[in-house]
Amino acid sequence: MNDAAVKRLAVARGGGFVLLVAVIGGAIVGVGGGCGPTRTAGTRGVAARDLAIVSIPQFPDESPVKLDTVRFNHGDTKDNQGGDETYAVGRGKDFYLLPGRVTAGFDLVGQIPDASGMPRWVRWTIPNGGRIKIPGPRDVPLGVVSAGKRYELALPSAEQFNEFFEQGTVSLLHEKEK
C-alpha cells in the first residue's frame, strides 16, 4: 500500500475496540482491529501491566433480570475512580481498574414476558418492549485487586459467607487462572 493509494486513514475507538479504516481507490477497507478491556476513569495513560482486569459476566439468558450498567468506585472516595461514569455490561465485559480496594454499583434491566394474554389495564402499565430499568445496589464491596492480575465477578462460596460473618470481609472477585 503506497501513499498515493491511501487517501484517508481513520482510527475509530470505543469501549476497548480499535478499528483502523483506510479508503483505497474509493473502497473502504478495514486495515486492522482489536478488542480489549474497557478503560475506566483514572486508567487512561497507565500501562496495562500496572492495572487489574475485572470481568463482569452477564446473567444467564433465561434470567428475567440482566446487568445493564456498572459503576466502579476505587478506594475510600467515590470520586477517586469511576465516580459517576457508568459502563454498559452487554453480554459481559472486561474492565481495566487501578489496583486497590474496589466497590461497584449496578443497574439492572428487567424484561416483562409477553403481556398479550393479560387484561388491558395491566398491558397499559407495561412500557414499550417490556423493558424496565431497575436501580440496583450501590457501593457493593468487590474486594482488593492487584496490578497484572485478572479477576471475575462471582457469588461468594459458603466458606466466604462464614468469613463475612466472622470478620466482616468478603470478596465478590475471584482471581482467574492464566
Protein backbone atom coordinates (compact mmCIF):
# COMPACT_ATOMS: atom_id res chain seq x y z
CA MET A 1 0.00 0.00 0.00
CA ASN A 2 1.70 3.23 -1.13
CA ASP A 3 0.96 6.81 -0.04
CA ALA A 4 -0.87 7.64 -3.27
CA ALA A 5 -3.22 4.66 -2.87
CA VAL A 6 -4.27 5.55 0.66
CA LYS A 7 -6.41 8.67 0.61
CA ARG A 8 -7.55 8.56 4.20
CA LEU A 9 -6.79 6.55 7.31
CA ALA A 10 -9.15 6.81 10.26
CA VAL A 11 -9.00 5.33 13.73
CA ALA A 12 -12.27 4.60 15.49
CA ARG A 13 -12.06 3.89 19.21
CA GLY A 14 -14.80 2.96 21.59
CA GLY A 15 -15.29 0.69 24.55
CA GLY A 16 -11.94 -1.04 24.22
CA PHE A 17 -12.26 -1.64 20.48
CA VAL A 18 -9.94 -0.06 17.94
CA LEU A 19 -10.58 -0.25 14.21
CA LEU A 20 -8.34 1.17 11.52
CA VAL A 21 -10.14 2.03 8.31
CA ALA A 22 -8.49 3.08 5.05
CA VAL A 23 -10.06 4.41 1.86
CA ILE A 24 -8.19 2.77 -1.03
CA GLY A 25 -9.22 3.52 -4.58
CA GLY A 26 -12.71 4.60 -3.46
CA ALA A 27 -13.30 1.46 -1.38
CA ILE A 28 -13.41 1.37 2.41
CA VAL A 29 -11.13 -1.35 3.78
CA GLY A 30 -10.69 -2.44 7.40
CA VAL A 31 -6.95 -2.47 7.99
CA GLY A 32 -6.93 -3.94 11.48
CA GLY A 33 -8.73 -4.08 14.76
CA GLY A 34 -8.60 -5.43 18.22
CA CYS A 35 -10.62 -5.89 21.34
CA GLY A 36 -9.55 -5.45 24.88
CA PRO A 37 -10.73 -4.38 28.29
CA THR A 38 -12.57 -1.07 28.64
CA ARG A 39 -10.51 1.60 30.37
CA THR A 40 -12.32 3.08 33.36
CA ALA A 41 -11.82 6.54 34.84
CA GLY A 42 -8.30 7.04 36.15
CA THR A 43 -6.72 4.34 33.96
CA ARG A 44 -6.03 6.35 30.81
CA GLY A 45 -2.31 6.74 30.27
CA VAL A 46 -1.48 3.94 32.74
CA ALA A 47 0.30 0.90 31.29
CA ALA A 48 -1.87 -2.23 31.12
CA ARG A 49 0.66 -4.18 33.23
CA ASP A 50 0.06 -1.68 36.06
CA LEU A 51 -3.69 -2.29 36.08
CA ALA A 52 -6.02 -5.08 37.15
CA ILE A 53 -8.59 -6.59 34.79
CA VAL A 54 -12.06 -7.31 36.15
CA SER A 55 -14.54 -9.40 34.13
CA ILE A 56 -18.22 -8.72 34.71
CA PRO A 57 -20.25 -11.61 33.23
CA GLN A 58 -23.90 -11.31 32.23
CA PHE A 59 -26.64 -13.31 33.94
CA PRO A 60 -27.77 -16.46 32.09
CA ASP A 61 -30.06 -15.99 29.08
CA GLU A 62 -33.05 -17.49 30.89
CA SER A 63 -32.83 -14.91 33.70
CA PRO A 64 -35.63 -12.27 33.55
CA VAL A 65 -33.21 -9.69 35.02
CA LYS A 66 -29.90 -8.67 33.41
CA LEU A 67 -26.99 -6.44 34.40
CA ASP A 68 -27.35 -3.20 32.46
CA THR A 69 -24.56 -0.95 33.71
CA VAL A 70 -21.75 -0.94 36.29
CA ARG A 71 -20.13 1.99 38.09
CA PHE A 72 -16.78 1.43 39.82
CA ASN A 73 -15.50 3.24 42.90
CA HIS A 74 -11.92 2.86 44.00
CA GLY A 75 -10.52 3.41 47.46
CA ASP A 76 -12.39 5.37 50.10
CA THR A 77 -13.85 8.09 47.88
CA LYS A 78 -16.27 7.67 45.04
CA ASP A 79 -14.52 10.36 43.02
CA ASN A 80 -11.16 8.56 43.09
CA GLN A 81 -12.09 6.20 40.26
CA GLY A 82 -15.30 5.89 38.33
CA GLY A 83 -17.48 8.28 40.27
CA ASP A 84 -20.43 8.95 38.02
CA GLU A 85 -19.14 7.13 34.94
CA THR A 86 -21.25 4.13 34.07
CA TYR A 87 -20.25 1.37 31.69
CA ALA A 88 -22.60 -0.90 29.74
CA VAL A 89 -22.15 -4.57 30.57
CA GLY A 90 -23.76 -6.00 27.42
CA ARG A 91 -23.25 -9.77 27.19
CA GLY A 92 -20.30 -9.42 29.58
CA LYS A 93 -17.25 -7.18 29.54
CA ASP A 94 -13.70 -6.79 30.87
CA PHE A 95 -12.59 -3.56 32.55
CA TYR A 96 -9.20 -2.10 33.49
CA LEU A 97 -9.11 -0.89 37.11
CA LEU A 98 -6.48 0.72 39.28
CA PRO A 99 -5.06 -1.63 41.93
CA GLY A 100 -6.59 -1.41 45.42
CA ARG A 101 -9.96 -1.82 47.13
CA VAL A 102 -12.88 -1.61 44.69
CA THR A 103 -16.62 -1.19 45.19
CA ALA A 104 -19.24 -1.06 42.46
CA GLY A 105 -22.81 -0.08 41.80
CA PHE A 106 -25.04 -1.95 39.38
CA ASP A 107 -28.16 -1.08 37.44
CA LEU A 108 -30.37 -3.88 36.24
CA VAL A 109 -32.91 -4.24 33.48
CA GLY A 110 -35.92 -6.50 33.68
CA GLN A 111 -37.79 -7.97 30.75
CA ILE A 112 -41.52 -8.48 31.25
CA PRO A 113 -42.75 -11.52 29.33
CA ASP A 114 -45.35 -11.23 26.58
CA ALA A 115 -48.39 -9.45 28.03
CA SER A 116 -50.84 -10.30 25.24
CA GLY A 117 -52.93 -12.57 27.49
CA MET A 118 -53.11 -10.05 30.33
CA PRO A 119 -56.04 -7.67 30.99
CA ARG A 120 -55.91 -4.36 29.11
CA TRP A 121 -55.32 -2.30 32.26
CA VAL A 122 -52.23 -4.39 33.04
CA ARG A 123 -50.88 -4.10 29.47
CA TRP A 124 -51.35 -0.32 29.65
CA THR A 125 -48.89 -0.10 32.59
CA ILE A 126 -46.14 -2.05 30.81
CA PRO A 127 -43.63 0.14 28.95
CA ASN A 128 -42.92 -0.43 25.26
CA GLY A 129 -40.92 -3.58 24.74
CA GLY A 130 -41.49 -4.69 28.34
CA ARG A 131 -38.04 -3.43 29.36
CA ILE A 132 -37.84 -1.88 32.84
CA LYS A 133 -34.73 -0.26 34.32
CA ILE A 134 -34.18 -1.21 37.94
CA PRO A 135 -31.77 0.78 40.13
CA GLY A 136 -29.53 -1.85 41.63
CA PRO A 137 -27.28 -1.98 44.69
CA ARG A 138 -24.63 0.70 45.24
CA ASP A 139 -21.26 0.54 46.99
CA VAL A 140 -21.04 -3.25 46.79
CA PRO A 141 -17.58 -4.23 48.08
CA LEU A 142 -15.92 -6.30 45.36
CA GLY A 143 -12.57 -6.75 47.10
CA VAL A 144 -8.94 -5.79 46.55
CA VAL A 145 -7.38 -6.05 43.08
CA SER A 146 -3.68 -6.17 42.20
CA ALA A 147 -1.79 -4.94 39.15
CA GLY A 148 -1.23 -7.51 36.42
CA LYS A 149 -3.95 -9.88 37.65
CA ARG A 150 -7.33 -10.88 36.20
CA TYR A 151 -10.48 -11.19 38.29
CA GLU A 152 -14.04 -12.29 37.66
CA LEU A 153 -17.19 -11.24 39.49
CA ALA A 154 -18.70 -14.32 41.16
CA LEU A 155 -21.00 -15.13 44.04
CA PRO A 156 -19.19 -15.90 47.29
CA SER A 157 -18.90 -19.51 48.47
CA ALA A 158 -20.42 -20.75 51.74
CA GLU A 159 -16.94 -20.52 53.30
CA GLN A 160 -16.65 -16.89 52.24
CA PHE A 161 -20.07 -16.10 53.72
CA ASN A 162 -18.86 -17.55 57.04
CA GLU A 163 -15.75 -15.37 56.74
CA PHE A 164 -18.01 -12.35 56.21
CA PHE A 165 -19.96 -13.05 59.40
CA GLU A 166 -16.81 -13.75 61.42
CA GLN A 167 -14.52 -11.00 60.11
CA GLY A 168 -16.85 -8.64 58.25
CA THR A 169 -15.00 -9.08 54.94
CA VAL A 170 -15.99 -10.78 51.72
CA SER A 171 -14.77 -10.52 48.15
CA LEU A 172 -17.02 -10.96 45.15
CA LEU A 173 -13.97 -11.12 42.88
CA HIS A 174 -12.17 -14.37 42.22
CA GLU A 175 -8.73 -14.38 40.62
CA LYS A 176 -8.82 -16.04 37.20
CA GLU A 177 -6.37 -18.74 36.25
CA LYS A 178 -3.99 -17.79 33.44
